[in-house]
Amino acid sequence: MSLQDDLTAVRRCLDDLVRTVAQLERNLARANENEFRPQPVRRADDLVTISDAPYNTALWTDSDDEGLGVRDRRAP
């Protein structure tokens, strides 16, 4: 490549960088604007109550511990 080709490639990369940084700044400004908007108030009927009662152990009879292997074998 000639020096002129190298300079053109560098200029193109710098233009892309400037364009990307400007886009990031716009996105950050939008995110900051959204952060300071009042959040909607959650109503009680939007919430789900979860019982404190223990789960039925039959749900877990055929399950393996994820990442630990089969229940009656040693983990590696």
N, C-alpha and C. Protein backbone atom coordinates (compact mmCIF):
# COMPACT_ATOMS: atom_id res chain seq x y z
N MET A 1 0.84 -1.19 0.00
CA MET A 1 0.00 0.00 0.00
C MET A 1 0.88 1.24 0.00
N SER A 2 0.38 2.22 -0.65
CA SER A 2 1.12 3.48 -0.65
C SER A 2 0.77 4.27 0.61
N LEU A 3 1.54 5.30 0.82
CA LEU A 3 1.30 6.17 1.98
C LEU A 3 -0.08 6.79 1.90
N GLN A 4 -0.50 7.18 0.71
CA GLN A 4 -1.81 7.80 0.54
C GLN A 4 -2.94 6.82 0.88
N ASP A 5 -2.77 5.56 0.48
CA ASP A 5 -3.76 4.54 0.82
C ASP A 5 -3.83 4.33 2.33
N ASP A 6 -2.67 4.32 2.98
CA ASP A 6 -2.64 4.17 4.43
C ASP A 6 -3.34 5.34 5.12
N LEU A 7 -3.07 6.54 4.65
CA LEU A 7 -3.70 7.72 5.25
C LEU A 7 -5.21 7.70 5.04
N THR A 8 -5.65 7.25 3.88
CA THR A 8 -7.08 7.16 3.61
C THR A 8 -7.74 6.12 4.53
N ALA A 9 -7.07 5.00 4.74
CA ALA A 9 -7.61 3.97 5.63
C ALA A 9 -7.68 4.47 7.07
N VAL A 10 -6.65 5.18 7.51
CA VAL A 10 -6.63 5.73 8.87
C VAL A 10 -7.74 6.76 9.02
N ARG A 11 -7.91 7.62 8.03
CA ARG A 11 -8.96 8.65 8.08
C ARG A 11 -10.34 7.99 8.16
N ARG A 12 -10.54 6.92 7.38
CA ARG A 12 -11.83 6.21 7.40
C ARG A 12 -12.08 5.60 8.78
N CYS A 13 -11.04 5.01 9.36
CA CYS A 13 -11.18 4.42 10.70
C CYS A 13 -11.49 5.49 11.75
N LEU A 14 -10.83 6.63 11.64
CA LEU A 14 -11.09 7.72 12.58
C LEU A 14 -12.51 8.25 12.43
N ASP A 15 -12.99 8.36 11.20
CA ASP A 15 -14.36 8.80 10.98
C ASP A 15 -15.35 7.81 11.59
N ASP A 16 -15.08 6.52 11.42
CA ASP A 16 -15.94 5.50 12.04
C ASP A 16 -15.92 5.61 13.55
N LEU A 17 -14.74 5.84 14.12
CA LEU A 17 -14.61 5.98 15.56
C LEU A 17 -15.39 7.19 16.06
N VAL A 18 -15.26 8.32 15.38
CA VAL A 18 -15.97 9.54 15.77
C VAL A 18 -17.48 9.30 15.71
N ARG A 19 -17.92 8.64 14.64
CA ARG A 19 -19.35 8.35 14.49
C ARG A 19 -19.85 7.43 15.61
N THR A 20 -19.08 6.43 15.96
CA THR A 20 -19.46 5.49 17.01
C THR A 20 -19.50 6.16 18.37
N VAL A 21 -18.52 7.00 18.67
CA VAL A 21 -18.49 7.71 19.95
C VAL A 21 -19.69 8.66 20.04
N ALA A 22 -20.02 9.33 18.96
CA ALA A 22 -21.18 10.23 18.97
C ALA A 22 -22.46 9.45 19.23
N GLN A 23 -22.58 8.27 18.62
CA GLN A 23 -23.76 7.44 18.84
C GLN A 23 -23.83 6.97 20.30
N LEU A 24 -22.71 6.57 20.87
CA LEU A 24 -22.67 6.17 22.27
C LEU A 24 -23.07 7.32 23.19
N GLU A 25 -22.59 8.54 22.88
CA GLU A 25 -22.96 9.70 23.69
C GLU A 25 -24.46 9.97 23.63
N ARG A 26 -25.05 9.82 22.43
CA ARG A 26 -26.50 10.02 22.31
C ARG A 26 -27.26 8.96 23.10
N ASN A 27 -26.80 7.70 23.01
CA ASN A 27 -27.46 6.63 23.76
C ASN A 27 -27.35 6.85 25.26
N LEU A 28 -26.20 7.31 25.71
CA LEU A 28 -26.01 7.58 27.13
C LEU A 28 -26.90 8.71 27.59
N ALA A 29 -27.02 9.75 26.78
CA ALA A 29 -27.89 10.88 27.14
C ALA A 29 -29.34 10.41 27.25
N ARG A 30 -29.77 9.56 26.31
CA ARG A 30 -31.14 9.02 26.38
C ARG A 30 -31.33 8.16 27.62
N ALA A 31 -30.33 7.36 27.94
CA ALA A 31 -30.43 6.50 29.12
C ALA A 31 -30.52 7.33 30.39
N ASN A 32 -29.75 8.41 30.46
CA ASN A 32 -29.81 9.29 31.63
C ASN A 32 -31.16 9.98 31.73
N GLU A 33 -31.74 10.38 30.61
CA GLU A 33 -33.06 10.99 30.63
C GLU A 33 -34.10 10.01 31.15
N ASN A 34 -34.02 8.76 30.68
CA ASN A 34 -34.98 7.75 31.11
C ASN A 34 -34.82 7.39 32.58
N GLU A 35 -33.60 7.49 33.08
CA GLU A 35 -33.34 7.13 34.47
C GLU A 35 -34.02 8.08 35.43
N PHE A 36 -34.14 9.33 35.04
CA PHE A 36 -34.70 10.33 35.94
C PHE A 36 -36.20 10.52 35.77
N ARG A 37 -36.80 9.76 34.86
CA ARG A 37 -38.25 9.81 34.74
C ARG A 37 -38.87 9.07 35.90
N PRO A 38 -40.01 9.56 36.37
CA PRO A 38 -40.65 8.83 37.47
C PRO A 38 -41.08 7.44 37.02
N GLN A 39 -40.80 6.47 37.84
CA GLN A 39 -41.15 5.09 37.54
C GLN A 39 -42.61 4.86 37.89
N PRO A 40 -43.30 4.04 37.11
CA PRO A 40 -44.70 3.77 37.43
C PRO A 40 -44.83 3.07 38.78
N VAL A 41 -45.85 3.41 39.50
CA VAL A 41 -46.09 2.82 40.82
C VAL A 41 -46.74 1.46 40.62
N ARG A 42 -46.18 0.46 41.26
CA ARG A 42 -46.75 -0.88 41.15
C ARG A 42 -47.95 -0.99 42.08
N ARG A 43 -48.99 -1.55 41.55
CA ARG A 43 -50.19 -1.76 42.36
C ARG A 43 -50.13 -3.14 42.98
N ALA A 44 -50.89 -3.34 44.06
CA ALA A 44 -50.88 -4.61 44.77
C ALA A 44 -51.38 -5.75 43.89
N ASP A 45 -52.30 -5.47 42.95
CA ASP A 45 -52.81 -6.55 42.11
C ASP A 45 -51.81 -6.98 41.04
N ASP A 46 -50.71 -6.23 40.87
CA ASP A 46 -49.65 -6.62 39.94
C ASP A 46 -48.70 -7.63 40.58
N LEU A 47 -48.71 -7.73 41.90
CA LEU A 47 -47.78 -8.58 42.61
C LEU A 47 -48.33 -9.99 42.75
N VAL A 48 -47.42 -10.95 42.79
CA VAL A 48 -47.79 -12.35 42.95
C VAL A 48 -47.30 -12.82 44.30
N THR A 49 -48.17 -13.45 45.07
CA THR A 49 -47.79 -13.96 46.38
C THR A 49 -47.24 -15.37 46.22
N ILE A 50 -46.08 -15.62 46.82
CA ILE A 50 -45.46 -16.94 46.78
C ILE A 50 -45.54 -17.55 48.16
N SER A 51 -46.08 -18.74 48.23
CA SER A 51 -46.29 -19.42 49.51
C SER A 51 -44.96 -19.81 50.14
N ASP A 52 -44.93 -19.82 51.47
CA ASP A 52 -43.75 -20.26 52.21
C ASP A 52 -43.76 -21.77 52.45
N ALA A 53 -44.82 -22.43 52.04
CA ALA A 53 -44.93 -23.87 52.25
C ALA A 53 -43.86 -24.58 51.42
N PRO A 54 -43.30 -25.67 51.94
CA PRO A 54 -42.27 -26.40 51.18
C PRO A 54 -42.87 -27.05 49.93
N TYR A 55 -42.03 -27.20 48.93
CA TYR A 55 -42.47 -27.85 47.70
C TYR A 55 -42.65 -29.34 47.93
N ASN A 56 -43.48 -29.95 47.12
CA ASN A 56 -43.68 -31.38 47.15
C ASN A 56 -42.39 -32.06 46.70
N THR A 57 -41.84 -32.95 47.52
CA THR A 57 -40.56 -33.59 47.20
C THR A 57 -40.66 -34.51 45.99
N ALA A 58 -41.86 -34.92 45.61
CA ALA A 58 -42.03 -35.76 44.42
C ALA A 58 -41.61 -35.00 43.16
N LEU A 59 -41.58 -33.69 43.22
CA LEU A 59 -41.16 -32.90 42.05
C LEU A 59 -39.69 -33.14 41.72
N TRP A 60 -38.91 -33.55 42.72
CA TRP A 60 -37.46 -33.62 42.55
C TRP A 60 -36.93 -35.04 42.47
N THR A 61 -37.79 -36.05 42.43
CA THR A 61 -37.32 -37.43 42.52
C THR A 61 -36.38 -37.83 41.37
N ASP A 62 -36.63 -37.42 40.16
CA ASP A 62 -35.80 -37.83 39.02
C ASP A 62 -34.80 -36.77 38.58
N SER A 63 -34.63 -35.75 39.38
CA SER A 63 -33.76 -34.65 38.95
C SER A 63 -32.32 -34.90 39.40
N ASP A 64 -31.40 -34.36 38.64
CA ASP A 64 -29.98 -34.38 38.99
C ASP A 64 -29.60 -32.98 39.44
N ASP A 65 -28.60 -32.91 40.29
CA ASP A 65 -28.09 -31.59 40.67
C ASP A 65 -27.29 -31.05 39.51
N GLU A 66 -27.71 -29.90 39.01
CA GLU A 66 -27.05 -29.34 37.83
C GLU A 66 -25.58 -29.07 38.13
N GLY A 67 -24.74 -29.58 37.28
CA GLY A 67 -23.31 -29.35 37.42
C GLY A 67 -22.63 -30.31 38.38
N LEU A 68 -23.40 -31.07 39.15
CA LEU A 68 -22.80 -31.98 40.12
C LEU A 68 -22.95 -33.43 39.72
N GLY A 69 -23.75 -33.73 38.71
CA GLY A 69 -23.90 -35.09 38.25
C GLY A 69 -25.07 -35.79 38.91
N VAL A 70 -25.07 -37.08 38.79
CA VAL A 70 -26.16 -37.91 39.31
C VAL A 70 -26.08 -37.95 40.83
N ARG A 71 -27.21 -38.05 41.47
CA ARG A 71 -27.34 -37.92 42.92
C ARG A 71 -26.49 -38.93 43.69
N ASP A 72 -26.42 -40.19 43.30
CA ASP A 72 -25.71 -41.20 44.09
C ASP A 72 -24.25 -41.39 43.66
N ARG A 73 -23.73 -40.55 42.83
CA ARG A 73 -22.35 -40.66 42.37
C ARG A 73 -21.54 -39.46 42.85
N ARG A 74 -20.23 -39.64 42.88
CA ARG A 74 -19.36 -38.52 43.28
C ARG A 74 -19.17 -37.55 42.13
N ALA A 75 -19.09 -36.30 42.46
CA ALA A 75 -18.80 -35.29 41.45
C ALA A 75 -17.31 -35.36 41.11
N PRO A 76 -16.97 -35.04 39.89
CA PRO A 76 -15.53 -35.10 39.50
C PRO A 76 -14.68 -34.13 40.27
